[in-house]
Each structure stands twice: as structure tokens, then as C-alpha cells.
Amino acid sequence: MTLDRRLLRTLWLLLLGGVLLPACTRFGAKRVPMDRFSYNEAIARSQKEQMLLNLVRLRYRDLPEFLSVSSVLTQYNYTGTVGTQGTAVLGDQVGTASNVGGSANIGYSERPTITYTPLAGSQFSRRMLSPIPVEMMFAASQGGWDTNLLMLIALQRMNRVENSSFGTVPAPDDLERLRAFLRLLNLSKKLEKRGALEMYEDHAKTPALRYLVVAKNVDRGTQALIDEWKAMLGLDPALNVFKMTARLTQRAPDEITVQPRSLMGTLSFLSRGVEVPEAHREKGWALDMGSWDHLVPFRVRSGNEKPPIAYVSVKYQGYWFYIDQADHESKRVFNLLIYIFELQAPETSKAAPILSLPTGP
């Protein structure tokens, strides 16, 4: 009898194991796409929130801080218990009976470990304060980003035409300089659309030289735009090929000085688009920027309550700051800023220290 009961119990355990083990395998496989997209969405959202928070901080003359998510490691734990109980009577007796009962429990837990890397130190500071490389702007332009938008937020000067300063307090002539710079960008865009202005690199040179080429033999309307464009930059009307250079003094007649901003300068410039609540203005927590903001397509709105629908939102000093989901121009500028930051910031593997924290209970 004892041997028969052991046999029945063994068969029952094998049956439950055959059902539960494949179920655990399928369950784990199903978690991969769900968790992958969940972590992807969470990291992307936190990246946008961090950038917006730092723009708001700069608007209040606070220090920006950046923390990078270096890695996400997740462990899945499955636990299970199986129990059996039953009686069995075998033989020729009348009324013999046998029954077998059992129970099974399966548990699941997830323990992610997230590694954060603070972006700090001399290398990061140098990257933040150094001019954005011109080749980076070329790469972004060739990647499909609007050239004029790149120049507006990341370029400080072309020859004698200077963009608005990026200081916390606007200079008295900032508005006029910004209007002139926007006019130059508008002329450049019109000439590009007409096929009359082109940028190219001469890779035969070491290092590669970059040129702006103006078309010849164009119609009267296009020629008028070219003449105005050359006049604004102080170029020789008889020349049509101009080498781009970073030199500010002793510029040759066939050269155009291109002076990019630093990443910190770009952040400070765009922080002017942050709308400060009236209560904070009255307390003097943030300085009045005047009416310049309507000239730049970037706006961060503010309010007492968290917006129900926003592209990105953060809370600072008791108020919510956000980019409206329907404000496509601000979204475009914001995304370009993140792209420039990722290209200019140092690689996280070279930054230190590293902080790894297990999450969950």
C-alpha cells in the first residue's frame, strides 16, 4: 500500500511540474517586451524632465545638475510550492476507493538595479563651457534638422551680425541684435529654398574646410536677396565662395566668421523662454526679460496645478512648468537641445563616480 501511495504522489508531482515549469518560462518571455518598453518610456520621460528642470533652474539663476542613467539590470525571481495529499486502497475488496488531492502556488518578483552617473567634474565643465563644434552643427543639419533653427539657438555670431547675448540679464540692445540676426537667418532660408545658397565640406583638405557658396546668374528677385545677405555680413559683392572660419580678427575678404555658442550659453539663452509666475516676479525671484520671447519659438508655460496634458512638465518652487503638447515649435527646439546636449556631453563610461541603487522592496 505504501509503495502505491508513493507512486501516486510522484506521478502527481511530475504532472504539476510539467504544467508549472513551462508556464514560468512563457511568463518570463512575455515580460521582456513589456518591461523593455516600460523602461524605455521611463528613461525618455526622465531625460526630458531633467532638461526642462535645468532650464527652469537657469531662469531662476540656479545651478543646473545632470544625472545620467547608465544601465538598468533587472532580476526576475519565480517561486513555487507544490503539495499533495490523498489516500489509496487497492485490492479486490468491495467499496475500495482512492483519491488524490494537491495544491500549487507560484510567485513572481522583479528587482531592477539602476546605475546613475552624475555628469560633473572638469571634463563635463569644459564641454559645457566650450563652443559647440561647427562639425556637430553640420552633422545635425545633414541629419535633417532645420539649419536656421540650429543657428538660432547654437550660433552666437556670423561676421558682424551677432545673436542675442545669453546672459541672465539681457543687454539693452539685445532685442535689436536678435531682430538683425533673425533677418539674416530669414534671408539664408529664402536663398536655400531657391537653391542659391549651399554649404559644403572639402574633405580633400586636412582638416576639412567648410564653405558657403552663393549661386551666380540668378533672377532679379534672388539677386536682391543675395545682395542684402552679403551686405549684412560685410562681404565682397564680387565673390561667391566664402570659407567658414572661427577667426574674429584679420578676417580675409573671402571668409565668414562663424562663432558657435557653448552648451551652457545655449541653455541660458533658451531659459529666457521660461514663463515666470507673477508671484515669483513680485518677490524678485526671477528677473523680467522684457518682450523678447515672442521673437524666439520656444515657450515654457507655468501654472499652479499640474497640466493634464503636456509634452513634459516639472515642479519647481511650488509651481508647475511645462511645454504644451500642441506647441510644436517649442517641442522641436527642446528636442534639438537634447540632441545637442547628448552630442556635447562626455560619455557616461568616462564619468565618475557611479551610484547603483537596487529599487523595490
Protein backbone atom coordinates (compact mmCIF):
# COMPACT_ATOMS: atom_id res chain seq x y z
CA MET A 1 0.00 0.00 0.00
CA THR A 2 2.80 2.42 0.95
CA LEU A 3 4.55 1.84 -2.35
CA ASP A 4 1.36 2.54 -4.29
CA ARG A 5 0.75 5.80 -2.44
CA ARG A 6 4.30 6.95 -3.11
CA LEU A 7 3.86 6.10 -6.74
CA LEU A 8 0.66 8.14 -6.98
CA ARG A 9 2.27 11.09 -5.20
CA THR A 10 5.25 11.00 -7.51
CA LEU A 11 3.02 10.94 -10.56
CA TRP A 12 1.07 13.93 -9.23
CA LEU A 13 4.22 15.97 -8.60
CA LEU A 14 5.53 15.21 -12.06
CA LEU A 15 2.22 16.27 -13.54
CA LEU A 16 2.22 19.61 -11.68
CA GLY A 17 5.85 20.25 -12.51
CA GLY A 18 5.21 19.59 -16.16
CA VAL A 19 2.48 22.23 -16.10
CA LEU A 20 4.14 24.89 -13.93
CA LEU A 21 7.66 24.94 -15.38
CA PRO A 22 6.61 25.69 -18.98
CA ALA A 23 4.20 28.28 -17.60
CA CYS A 24 7.09 30.07 -15.81
CA THR A 25 9.14 30.03 -19.00
CA ARG A 26 6.33 31.53 -21.03
CA PHE A 27 5.66 34.11 -18.32
CA GLY A 28 9.28 35.28 -18.31
CA ALA A 29 9.37 35.61 -22.08
CA LYS A 30 6.22 37.70 -22.02
CA ARG A 31 7.82 40.14 -19.56
CA VAL A 32 10.64 41.10 -21.94
CA PRO A 33 8.70 43.29 -24.41
CA MET A 34 6.56 44.83 -21.67
CA ASP A 35 9.49 45.74 -19.42
CA ARG A 36 11.70 46.86 -22.29
CA PHE A 37 9.19 49.43 -23.49
CA SER A 38 8.30 50.46 -19.94
CA TYR A 39 11.91 51.23 -19.05
CA ASN A 40 12.45 52.92 -22.41
CA GLU A 41 9.50 55.21 -21.82
CA ALA A 42 10.52 55.95 -18.23
CA ILE A 43 14.11 56.85 -19.19
CA ALA A 44 12.99 59.06 -22.08
CA ARG A 45 10.49 60.85 -19.85
CA SER A 46 13.04 61.42 -17.08
CA GLN A 47 15.54 62.78 -19.62
CA LYS A 48 13.06 65.37 -20.84
CA GLU A 49 12.02 66.29 -17.31
CA GLN A 50 15.65 66.73 -16.24
CA MET A 51 16.40 69.04 -19.18
CA LEU A 52 13.28 71.14 -18.56
CA LEU A 53 14.07 71.39 -14.84
CA ASN A 54 17.56 72.68 -15.61
CA LEU A 55 16.17 75.30 -17.99
CA VAL A 56 13.84 76.47 -15.21
CA ARG A 57 16.73 76.49 -12.74
CA LEU A 58 18.77 78.71 -15.04
CA ARG A 59 15.82 81.09 -15.39
CA TYR A 60 15.96 81.48 -11.60
CA ARG A 61 19.77 81.79 -11.61
CA ASP A 62 20.06 78.37 -10.02
CA LEU A 63 22.73 75.80 -10.89
CA PRO A 64 21.88 73.08 -13.41
CA GLU A 65 22.60 69.48 -12.42
CA PHE A 66 22.63 66.43 -14.68
CA LEU A 67 22.40 62.76 -13.80
CA SER A 68 22.68 60.07 -16.46
CA VAL A 69 21.05 56.63 -16.34
CA SER A 70 23.98 54.40 -17.29
CA SER A 71 22.41 50.96 -17.04
CA VAL A 72 19.32 49.09 -15.93
CA LEU A 73 19.69 45.50 -14.73
CA THR A 74 16.58 43.54 -13.82
CA GLN A 75 16.33 40.21 -11.99
CA TYR A 76 13.20 38.10 -12.17
CA ASN A 77 12.50 35.67 -9.33
CA TYR A 78 9.94 32.91 -9.57
CA THR A 79 8.91 30.89 -6.53
CA GLY A 80 6.56 27.94 -6.38
CA THR A 81 5.28 25.35 -3.95
CA VAL A 82 3.51 22.10 -4.69
CA GLY A 83 1.66 19.95 -2.16
CA THR A 84 -0.19 16.66 -2.43
CA GLN A 85 -2.47 14.66 -0.20
CA GLY A 86 -4.56 11.55 -0.80
CA THR A 87 -5.49 8.01 0.09
CA ALA A 88 -5.45 4.90 -1.99
CA VAL A 89 -6.76 1.40 -1.28
CA LEU A 90 -6.01 -1.22 -3.84
CA GLY A 91 -7.28 -4.82 -3.91
CA ASP A 92 -10.31 -6.95 -4.56
CA GLN A 93 -12.34 -5.61 -1.67
CA VAL A 94 -15.78 -4.24 -2.43
CA GLY A 95 -16.10 -0.49 -1.81
CA THR A 96 -12.43 0.31 -2.10
CA ALA A 97 -11.65 3.88 -3.07
CA SER A 98 -8.76 6.12 -3.88
CA ASN A 99 -8.39 9.89 -4.15
CA VAL A 100 -5.51 12.24 -4.61
CA GLY A 101 -5.56 15.98 -3.92
CA GLY A 102 -2.93 18.66 -4.35
CA SER A 103 -2.15 22.36 -4.21
CA ALA A 104 0.26 24.60 -6.08
CA ASN A 105 1.38 28.24 -5.63
CA ILE A 106 3.58 30.32 -7.88
CA GLY A 107 5.06 33.72 -7.10
CA TYR A 108 6.87 36.37 -9.16
CA SER A 109 9.05 39.32 -8.17
CA GLU A 110 11.21 41.80 -10.06
CA ARG A 111 14.28 43.58 -8.64
CA PRO A 112 15.74 46.17 -11.00
CA THR A 113 19.12 47.76 -10.27
CA ILE A 114 19.59 51.17 -11.87
CA THR A 115 23.00 52.78 -12.25
CA TYR A 116 23.19 56.58 -12.17
CA THR A 117 26.23 58.55 -13.29
CA PRO A 118 26.48 62.20 -12.17
CA LEU A 119 27.72 64.37 -15.02
CA ALA A 120 30.26 66.55 -13.25
CA GLY A 121 33.95 67.25 -12.98
CA SER A 122 36.45 69.10 -15.14
CA GLN A 123 35.71 67.20 -18.35
CA PHE A 124 31.99 67.89 -18.17
CA SER A 125 32.59 71.54 -17.22
CA ARG A 126 34.89 72.01 -20.19
CA ARG A 127 32.29 70.51 -22.53
CA MET A 128 29.60 72.76 -21.08
CA LEU A 129 31.67 75.93 -21.48
CA SER A 130 33.44 75.13 -24.77
CA PRO A 131 31.94 76.28 -28.09
CA ILE A 132 29.78 73.69 -29.79
CA PRO A 133 31.88 72.27 -32.66
CA VAL A 134 30.84 73.53 -36.06
CA GLU A 135 31.08 69.99 -37.44
CA MET A 136 28.45 68.93 -34.92
CA MET A 137 26.11 71.56 -36.33
CA PHE A 138 26.87 70.34 -39.84
CA ALA A 139 26.10 66.76 -38.79
CA ALA A 140 22.78 67.80 -37.25
CA SER A 141 21.91 69.79 -40.36
CA GLN A 142 22.71 66.87 -42.64
CA GLY A 143 20.66 64.67 -40.32
CA GLY A 144 17.53 66.62 -41.19
CA TRP A 145 17.40 69.34 -38.54
CA ASP A 146 16.43 72.84 -39.64
CA THR A 147 19.65 74.81 -40.31
CA ASN A 148 18.08 78.10 -39.26
CA LEU A 149 16.86 76.60 -36.01
CA LEU A 150 20.35 75.28 -35.30
CA MET A 151 21.88 78.67 -35.99
CA LEU A 152 19.30 80.49 -33.87
CA ILE A 153 19.91 78.54 -30.67
CA ALA A 154 23.55 77.45 -31.08
CA LEU A 155 25.25 80.26 -33.04
CA GLN A 156 26.45 83.48 -31.47
CA ARG A 157 27.91 85.36 -34.44
CA MET A 158 28.32 85.43 -38.22
CA ASN A 159 30.81 88.14 -39.13
CA ARG A 160 29.50 91.38 -37.66
CA VAL A 161 25.93 90.11 -37.15
CA GLU A 162 25.65 88.91 -33.57
CA ASN A 163 22.87 86.91 -31.96
CA SER A 164 21.25 87.93 -28.68
CA SER A 165 23.54 87.54 -25.68
CA PHE A 166 22.95 84.56 -23.39
CA GLY A 167 23.48 86.32 -20.09
CA THR A 168 20.84 86.11 -17.38
CA VAL A 169 20.13 89.82 -17.69
CA PRO A 170 19.51 90.95 -21.31
CA ALA A 171 21.68 93.74 -22.63
CA PRO A 172 19.84 96.93 -23.70
CA ASP A 173 20.48 96.27 -27.39
CA ASP A 174 19.64 92.56 -27.23
CA LEU A 175 16.32 92.95 -29.00
CA GLU A 176 17.82 94.84 -31.91
CA ARG A 177 20.64 92.36 -32.29
CA LEU A 178 18.20 89.46 -32.19
CA ARG A 179 15.99 91.08 -34.86
CA ALA A 180 19.01 91.59 -37.12
CA PHE A 181 20.17 88.02 -36.59
CA LEU A 182 16.68 86.70 -37.34
CA ARG A 183 16.65 88.76 -40.55
CA LEU A 184 19.96 87.17 -41.58
CA LEU A 185 18.57 83.69 -40.87
CA ASN A 186 15.43 84.51 -42.84
CA LEU A 187 17.48 85.63 -45.83
CA SER A 188 19.59 82.46 -45.62
CA LYS A 189 16.48 80.29 -45.52
CA LYS A 190 14.96 82.03 -48.54
CA LEU A 191 18.18 81.64 -50.51
CA GLU A 192 18.41 77.94 -49.56
CA LYS A 193 14.85 77.35 -50.75
CA ARG A 194 15.69 79.00 -54.06
CA GLY A 195 18.83 76.89 -54.42
CA ALA A 196 21.02 80.00 -54.28
CA LEU A 197 22.94 79.20 -51.05
CA GLU A 198 24.74 75.97 -50.24
CA MET A 199 27.08 74.69 -47.55
CA TYR A 200 29.64 72.03 -48.33
CA GLU A 201 32.83 70.50 -46.94
CA ASP A 202 36.08 69.98 -48.81
CA HIS A 203 37.31 66.65 -47.45
CA ALA A 204 40.45 66.81 -49.60
CA LYS A 205 41.80 69.36 -47.14
CA THR A 206 43.19 68.39 -43.73
CA PRO A 207 41.36 69.44 -41.68
CA ALA A 208 38.28 69.60 -43.88
CA LEU A 209 37.33 73.13 -44.91
CA ARG A 210 33.73 74.32 -44.94
CA TYR A 211 32.33 76.79 -47.45
CA LEU A 212 29.23 78.81 -48.16
CA VAL A 213 28.62 79.08 -51.89
CA VAL A 214 26.31 81.67 -53.46
CA ALA A 215 24.78 80.95 -56.88
CA LYS A 216 25.51 83.05 -59.96
CA ASN A 217 23.25 84.12 -62.83
CA VAL A 218 20.04 84.16 -60.80
CA ASP A 219 16.81 86.09 -61.31
CA ARG A 220 16.42 89.68 -60.19
CA GLY A 221 14.47 88.84 -57.01
CA THR A 222 17.01 86.27 -55.86
CA GLN A 223 19.88 88.62 -56.66
CA ALA A 224 18.31 91.29 -54.44
CA LEU A 225 18.23 88.78 -51.55
CA ILE A 226 21.87 87.85 -52.21
CA ASP A 227 22.92 91.49 -52.23
CA GLU A 228 21.19 92.14 -48.90
CA TRP A 229 22.69 88.95 -47.41
CA LYS A 230 26.22 89.95 -48.46
CA ALA A 231 25.73 93.50 -47.24
CA MET A 232 24.62 92.34 -43.78
CA LEU A 233 27.71 90.16 -43.48
CA GLY A 234 30.04 92.78 -44.95
CA LEU A 235 31.16 90.51 -47.80
CA ASP A 236 32.72 91.43 -51.12
CA PRO A 237 29.82 91.64 -53.63
CA ALA A 238 32.06 90.23 -56.39
CA LEU A 239 32.82 86.95 -54.54
CA ASN A 240 30.59 83.90 -54.46
CA VAL A 241 32.58 81.31 -52.46
CA PHE A 242 33.32 82.02 -48.79
CA LYS A 243 35.37 79.93 -46.41
CA MET A 244 33.96 79.48 -42.90
CA THR A 245 36.38 80.31 -40.10
CA ALA A 246 36.37 80.84 -36.33
CA ARG A 247 38.78 83.79 -36.55
CA LEU A 248 37.35 87.08 -35.26
CA THR A 249 40.20 89.39 -36.24
CA GLN A 250 42.10 89.80 -39.51
CA ARG A 251 39.36 88.06 -41.43
CA ALA A 252 40.12 87.63 -45.13
CA PRO A 253 37.69 89.04 -47.74
CA ASP A 254 36.59 85.51 -48.72
CA GLU A 255 35.96 84.33 -45.14
CA ILE A 256 32.88 84.24 -42.93
CA THR A 257 33.41 84.12 -39.19
CA VAL A 258 31.17 81.53 -37.56
CA GLN A 259 31.23 81.61 -33.76
CA PRO A 260 29.11 78.94 -32.04
CA ARG A 261 27.77 79.23 -28.54
CA SER A 262 28.75 76.95 -25.69
CA LEU A 263 26.27 74.40 -24.40
CA MET A 264 25.82 76.48 -21.25
CA GLY A 265 25.24 79.55 -23.40
CA THR A 266 22.61 77.73 -25.43
CA LEU A 267 20.85 76.57 -22.25
CA SER A 268 20.96 80.07 -20.76
CA PHE A 269 19.63 81.60 -23.98
CA LEU A 270 16.66 79.21 -24.13
CA SER A 271 15.94 79.60 -20.41
CA ARG A 272 14.59 83.05 -21.29
CA GLY A 273 11.60 81.27 -22.75
CA VAL A 274 10.51 80.13 -19.27
CA GLU A 275 7.37 81.91 -18.14
CA VAL A 276 7.79 83.04 -14.52
CA PRO A 277 4.64 83.12 -12.31
CA GLU A 278 3.53 86.58 -11.26
CA ALA A 279 4.00 85.69 -7.58
CA HIS A 280 7.67 84.93 -8.21
CA ARG A 281 8.11 88.12 -10.22
CA GLU A 282 6.71 90.18 -7.35
CA LYS A 283 9.14 88.53 -4.95
CA GLY A 284 12.03 89.21 -7.30
CA TRP A 285 12.95 85.52 -7.62
CA ALA A 286 13.45 85.89 -11.38
CA LEU A 287 14.27 88.98 -13.41
CA ASP A 288 11.95 90.42 -16.04
CA MET A 289 13.19 89.57 -19.54
CA GLY A 290 11.03 92.09 -21.34
CA SER A 291 9.22 91.29 -24.58
CA TRP A 292 11.99 89.42 -26.39
CA ASP A 293 10.35 85.99 -26.01
CA HIS A 294 7.91 86.43 -28.92
CA LEU A 295 10.87 86.52 -31.31
CA VAL A 296 12.07 83.01 -30.38
CA PRO A 297 9.89 79.92 -30.99
CA PHE A 298 10.33 78.43 -27.53
CA ARG A 299 7.98 78.80 -24.60
CA VAL A 300 7.76 77.07 -21.21
CA ARG A 301 4.48 77.86 -19.52
CA SER A 302 3.74 77.86 -15.78
CA GLY A 303 0.74 77.28 -13.54
CA ASN A 304 -0.43 76.40 -10.04
CA GLU A 305 -1.60 72.91 -10.97
CA LYS A 306 -0.06 70.09 -12.94
CA PRO A 307 -1.26 70.30 -16.56
CA PRO A 308 -3.48 67.35 -17.51
CA ILE A 309 -1.85 67.07 -20.94
CA ALA A 310 1.71 68.28 -21.52
CA TYR A 311 4.69 67.22 -23.59
CA VAL A 312 6.85 67.48 -20.47
CA SER A 313 6.26 69.05 -17.07
CA VAL A 314 8.20 69.57 -13.82
CA LYS A 315 7.51 71.17 -10.47
CA TYR A 316 9.78 73.90 -9.12
CA GLN A 317 9.33 76.32 -6.22
CA GLY A 318 5.70 75.31 -5.77
CA TYR A 319 4.66 75.84 -9.43
CA TRP A 320 4.40 73.60 -12.46
CA PHE A 321 6.40 74.40 -15.59
CA TYR A 322 5.56 72.67 -18.84
CA ILE A 323 5.71 72.64 -22.62
CA ASP A 324 2.28 72.47 -24.17
CA GLN A 325 1.60 69.31 -26.16
CA ALA A 326 0.21 71.43 -29.03
CA ASP A 327 3.23 73.79 -29.10
CA HIS A 328 5.13 72.04 -31.89
CA GLU A 329 7.74 74.78 -32.33
CA SER A 330 8.75 74.62 -28.66
CA LYS A 331 8.82 70.82 -28.83
CA ARG A 332 11.07 70.97 -31.88
CA VAL A 333 13.51 73.38 -30.19
CA PHE A 334 13.50 71.32 -27.00
CA ASN A 335 14.24 68.07 -28.83
CA LEU A 336 17.09 69.72 -30.73
CA LEU A 337 18.52 70.95 -27.43
CA ILE A 338 18.53 67.41 -26.04
CA TYR A 339 20.20 66.18 -29.22
CA ILE A 340 22.96 68.80 -28.93
CA PHE A 341 23.42 68.00 -25.25
CA GLU A 342 23.84 64.29 -25.95
CA LEU A 343 26.46 65.03 -28.60
CA GLN A 344 28.36 67.58 -26.49
CA ALA A 345 28.22 65.91 -23.07
CA PRO A 346 31.00 63.40 -22.24
CA GLU A 347 30.38 59.69 -22.42
CA THR A 348 28.96 58.30 -19.20
CA SER A 349 31.53 55.49 -19.12
CA LYS A 350 34.25 58.10 -18.63
CA ALA A 351 32.43 59.99 -15.92
CA ALA A 352 32.60 59.23 -12.20
CA PRO A 353 31.50 58.45 -9.55
CA ILE A 354 28.88 55.82 -10.30
CA LEU A 355 25.94 55.18 -8.00
CA SER A 356 23.96 51.94 -8.28
CA LEU A 357 20.78 51.55 -6.27
CA PRO A 358 18.52 48.50 -6.04
CA THR A 359 14.89 49.51 -6.33
CA GLY A 360 11.77 47.94 -4.94
CA PRO A 361 11.16 46.35 -1.53
